[in-house]
Structures are given as structure tokens and as C-alpha cells.
Protein backbone atom coordinates (compact mmCIF):
# COMPACT_ATOMS: atom_id res chain seq x y z
CA VAL A 1 -35.07 0.93 -9.18
CA LEU A 2 -33.35 2.44 -12.23
CA ILE A 3 -30.46 0.00 -12.03
CA GLY A 4 -32.87 -2.92 -11.64
CA GLU A 5 -34.85 -1.87 -14.71
CA THR A 6 -31.65 -1.51 -16.75
CA CYS A 7 -30.39 -4.92 -15.65
CA ALA A 8 -33.75 -6.49 -16.45
CA ALA A 9 -33.75 -4.97 -19.93
CA THR A 10 -30.19 -6.15 -20.57
CA GLU A 11 -30.96 -9.68 -19.39
CA ALA A 12 -34.19 -9.83 -21.40
CA ALA A 13 -32.35 -8.81 -24.56
CA ALA A 14 -29.54 -11.29 -23.88
CA ALA A 15 -32.01 -14.12 -23.20
CA ALA A 16 -33.94 -13.57 -26.42
CA PRO A 17 -33.65 -16.55 -28.79
CA PRO A 18 -31.35 -16.10 -31.79
CA PRO A 19 -32.95 -15.47 -35.17
CA ARG A 20 -33.95 -18.64 -37.06
CA ASP A 21 -32.21 -17.65 -40.26
CA GLY A 22 -28.80 -18.36 -38.73
CA ALA A 23 -27.82 -14.71 -38.32
CA ALA A 24 -26.11 -13.68 -35.12
CA ALA A 25 -28.29 -12.33 -32.36
CA PRO A 26 -28.07 -8.55 -31.96
CA ARG A 27 -25.79 -7.35 -29.18
CA VAL A 28 -27.22 -5.02 -26.59
CA THR A 29 -24.99 -2.54 -24.79
CA TYR A 30 -25.67 -0.97 -21.42
CA ALA A 31 -26.30 2.34 -23.16
CA GLN A 32 -28.91 0.72 -25.43
CA ALA A 33 -30.61 -1.00 -22.49
CA TRP A 34 -30.54 2.27 -20.53
CA THR A 35 -32.04 4.13 -23.49
CA ALA A 36 -34.77 1.50 -23.90
CA THR A 37 -35.77 1.64 -20.24
CA LEU A 38 -34.99 5.19 -19.11
CA GLY A 39 -34.75 7.27 -22.26
CA ALA A 40 -31.96 8.75 -24.36
CA ARG A 41 -31.50 11.86 -22.22
CA THR A 42 -29.41 10.06 -19.59
CA ALA A 43 -27.89 7.32 -21.78
CA TRP A 44 -24.42 8.79 -21.10
CA VAL A 45 -24.54 7.67 -17.42
CA PRO A 46 -23.26 4.07 -17.94
CA ALA A 47 -20.31 5.28 -20.04
CA ALA A 48 -19.44 8.01 -17.53
CA ALA A 49 -19.68 5.57 -14.63
CA SER A 50 -17.38 3.14 -16.45
CA LEU A 51 -14.89 5.93 -17.14
CA VAL A 52 -14.81 7.06 -13.50
CA LEU A 53 -14.46 3.46 -12.28
CA CYS A 54 -11.59 2.75 -14.68
CA PHE A 55 -9.82 6.00 -13.81
CA CYS A 56 -10.05 5.38 -10.05
CA SER A 57 -8.88 1.79 -10.50
CA ALA A 58 -5.91 2.93 -12.59
CA VAL A 59 -4.86 5.49 -9.97
CA ALA A 60 -5.17 2.91 -7.19
CA CYS A 61 -3.20 0.35 -9.20
CA ALA A 62 -0.44 2.85 -9.97
CA SER A 63 -0.23 3.92 -6.33
CA VAL A 64 0.01 0.36 -5.02
CA ILE A 65 2.52 -0.76 -7.66
CA GLY A 66 4.72 2.32 -7.25
CA ASP A 67 4.82 2.21 -3.45
CA THR A 68 5.14 -1.56 -3.16
CA LEU A 69 7.92 -1.98 -5.70
CA THR A 70 9.84 1.01 -4.35
CA ASP A 71 9.63 -0.45 -0.84
CA LEU A 72 10.70 -3.90 -2.05
CA LEU A 73 13.61 -2.52 -4.05
CA ALA A 74 14.72 -0.33 -1.16
CA GLY A 75 14.75 -3.35 1.12
CA ALA A 76 16.47 -5.61 -1.40
CA LEU A 77 19.13 -3.06 -2.29
CA GLY A 78 19.59 -1.81 1.26
CA VAL A 79 19.08 1.84 0.30
CA PRO A 80 16.66 4.42 1.75
CA TYR A 81 13.23 4.61 0.16
CA ALA A 82 13.62 8.27 -0.74
CA THR A 83 16.72 7.62 -2.88
CA LEU A 84 14.85 5.46 -5.39
CA PRO A 85 13.03 7.06 -8.36
CA ARG A 86 9.47 5.89 -7.63
CA ASP A 87 8.00 7.37 -10.82
CA ALA A 88 10.70 5.77 -13.00
CA ILE A 89 10.05 2.39 -11.36
CA LEU A 90 6.33 2.78 -12.03
CA VAL A 91 6.90 3.72 -15.68
CA GLY A 92 9.24 0.73 -16.10
CA VAL A 93 6.66 -1.67 -14.69
CA ALA A 94 3.93 -0.11 -16.82
CA ALA A 95 6.04 -0.53 -19.97
CA ALA A 96 7.41 -3.99 -19.21
CA VAL A 97 4.41 -5.66 -17.53
CA LEU A 98 1.16 -3.70 -17.78
CA LEU A 99 1.39 -2.67 -21.44
CA PRO A 100 1.86 -6.25 -22.71
CA LEU A 101 -1.07 -7.36 -20.53
CA CYS A 102 -3.25 -4.60 -21.97
CA LEU A 103 -2.30 -5.59 -25.52
CA ALA A 104 -2.95 -9.31 -25.01
CA ARG A 105 -5.84 -10.72 -27.02
CA SER A 106 -6.95 -12.95 -24.15
CA LEU A 107 -6.42 -12.81 -20.42
CA ALA A 108 -7.31 -16.49 -20.05
CA PRO A 109 -3.71 -17.45 -19.15
CA LEU A 110 -4.05 -15.26 -16.05
CA ALA A 111 -7.00 -17.26 -14.71
CA ILE A 112 -4.88 -19.29 -12.29
CA ALA A 113 -3.13 -16.18 -10.97
CA SER A 114 -6.49 -14.49 -10.53
CA LEU A 115 -7.84 -17.50 -8.65
CA LEU A 116 -4.76 -17.51 -6.39
CA GLY A 117 -5.25 -13.79 -5.74
CA VAL A 118 -8.87 -14.29 -4.74
CA ALA A 119 -7.91 -17.24 -2.53
CA GLY A 120 -5.15 -15.15 -0.90
CA THR A 121 -7.55 -12.29 -0.24
CA ALA A 122 -10.09 -14.69 1.28
CA LEU A 123 -7.41 -16.25 3.47
CA ALA A 124 -6.24 -12.81 4.65
CA ALA A 125 -9.86 -11.86 5.48
CA LEU A 126 -10.24 -15.05 7.51
CA VAL A 127 -7.02 -14.37 9.42
CA PHE A 128 -8.10 -10.76 10.08
CA ALA A 129 -11.47 -11.99 11.34
CA ALA A 130 -9.82 -14.63 13.56
CA ARG A 131 -7.47 -12.01 15.05
CA LEU A 132 -10.41 -9.69 15.65
CA VAL A 133 -12.44 -12.40 17.39
CA ASP A 134 -9.61 -13.72 19.55
CA GLY A 135 -8.52 -10.18 20.53
CA SER A 136 -4.85 -10.66 19.63
CA TYR A 137 -4.35 -6.96 18.93
CA ALA A 138 -6.73 -5.61 21.59
CA ASP A 139 -5.36 -3.61 24.53
CA ALA A 140 -4.56 -6.72 26.56
CA GLY A 141 -4.03 -8.98 23.55
CA GLU A 142 -1.09 -11.24 22.80
CA PHE A 143 0.34 -9.01 20.05
CA PHE A 144 -0.63 -5.56 21.36
CA ASP A 145 2.84 -4.82 22.76
CA LEU A 146 4.43 -5.66 19.38
CA ILE A 147 2.75 -2.64 17.76
CA PRO A 148 5.07 0.37 18.16
CA GLU A 149 3.46 3.20 20.13
CA ALA A 150 3.80 5.58 17.16
CA ASN A 151 1.83 3.19 14.90
CA ARG A 152 -1.14 2.61 17.21
CA PRO A 153 -4.34 4.31 16.06
CA SER A 154 -6.07 6.52 18.59
CA PHE A 155 -9.85 6.80 18.88
CA VAL A 156 -10.07 9.87 21.10
CA GLY A 157 -13.43 11.56 20.79
CA GLY A 158 -14.86 8.81 18.58
CA ALA A 159 -12.91 9.75 15.44
CA PRO A 160 -9.85 7.68 14.57
CA THR A 161 -6.51 9.47 14.42
CA LEU A 162 -4.13 7.41 12.35
CA PRO A 163 -0.35 7.56 12.64
CA PRO A 164 1.72 8.94 9.75
CA LEU A 165 2.44 5.51 8.22
CA LEU A 166 2.51 6.74 4.63
CA GLY A 167 5.41 9.13 5.07
CA ASP A 168 5.72 12.88 5.24
CA ASP A 169 5.95 13.28 1.45
CA LEU A 170 2.52 11.79 0.68
CA GLY A 171 1.20 15.10 -0.63
CA GLU A 172 4.13 15.36 -3.02
CA ARG A 173 3.67 11.79 -4.31
CA LEU A 174 -0.08 11.84 -4.97
CA PRO A 175 -0.08 14.16 -8.01
CA SER A 176 2.48 12.00 -9.83
CA ALA A 177 0.51 8.81 -9.14
CA GLY A 178 -2.66 10.49 -10.39
CA SER A 179 -1.09 11.72 -13.60
CA LEU A 180 0.47 8.33 -14.34
CA GLY A 181 -2.79 6.53 -13.53
CA PHE A 182 -4.62 8.41 -16.23
């Protein structure tokens, strides 16, 4: 209910006609809409929610980039994963790729890449759904025997027990990804 009221107040303010004297219409922030509908006492909630969302997204992005690039480099160079400096790779990517993107005035040139990413995600979801429906990875499925025994999840007692796919040093890697994500 609270979110609906805040959204309604924001949309009502945005839909208001511009002043007739040619001046720009006033901008309404989420905090202003929240204050108008719910009071000033909790007006900090939208800002805090945005901060938490951005922080979690940054940590996830850093984790994915660090692990993916380290794996790709290890495969391309033919060296073990553990020998590559994951944190240094992540800092290099942040400085060479992410920082210029953050400093760009417009992200419009990335629209095509974003569209391709969404299309790729939709295609992957369709393939996952098709494999689920046709039972390819079920116990008697076509691809079940291709999954190594150590990588098969177990659902004993109703709770899934996942194999150690992320490596034994996951606990050591998480703090560095968290500190770099912030």
C-alpha cells in the first residue's frame, strides 16, 4: 500500500501540466513524493533502499567479472586458476572498462549491447525451460550421464545439497570481492 501511494504521488506530480509562463516544471524526487504521502519521518527509506540495491549490485558485478575473467584467462593462457591474481584482474577491468563507463555523459551508445544482453538472457531462459520440459537432464534423460557424479545436486531429505563447484577458497575470495564492490 505504501509503495502504491508513493508511486501514485510521483506519477501525479510528473503528469501535472507545465506552468504557462514557460518555466520548467518542478522535478519531484522519490523522497519528496514519499514525504508528501507518508510524512518526513521515514523519507530516508528510498535513499537507503537505493544505496543497498547499488551496493549489492556492485558486489555481484565485481564477483562475476573477477571470477569470469580469471577463468577465461586461465583457460586462454593454459595456467591454473589459482596462479592468476584475481583481485589485480578485477582492478584492471574496473580501471580500464568500468570507470570510463561510469564517467560517460550518456549510456545511449550501449543500447544495442543492452538489447543483445536481454535477448541472450531470454534465449537462455527458453532453452532452460525447453530442457526442463523435455527432461534432458532428468535421471533417465539424454544428457544425465554427461553430468559428472561429483557435480550432481542431491535432494536428500528435501533440502538441496550442492556440490563444491565454486572452489575450496570461496571463503577467502568473498571478502576481497565485497571490499572492491564498495
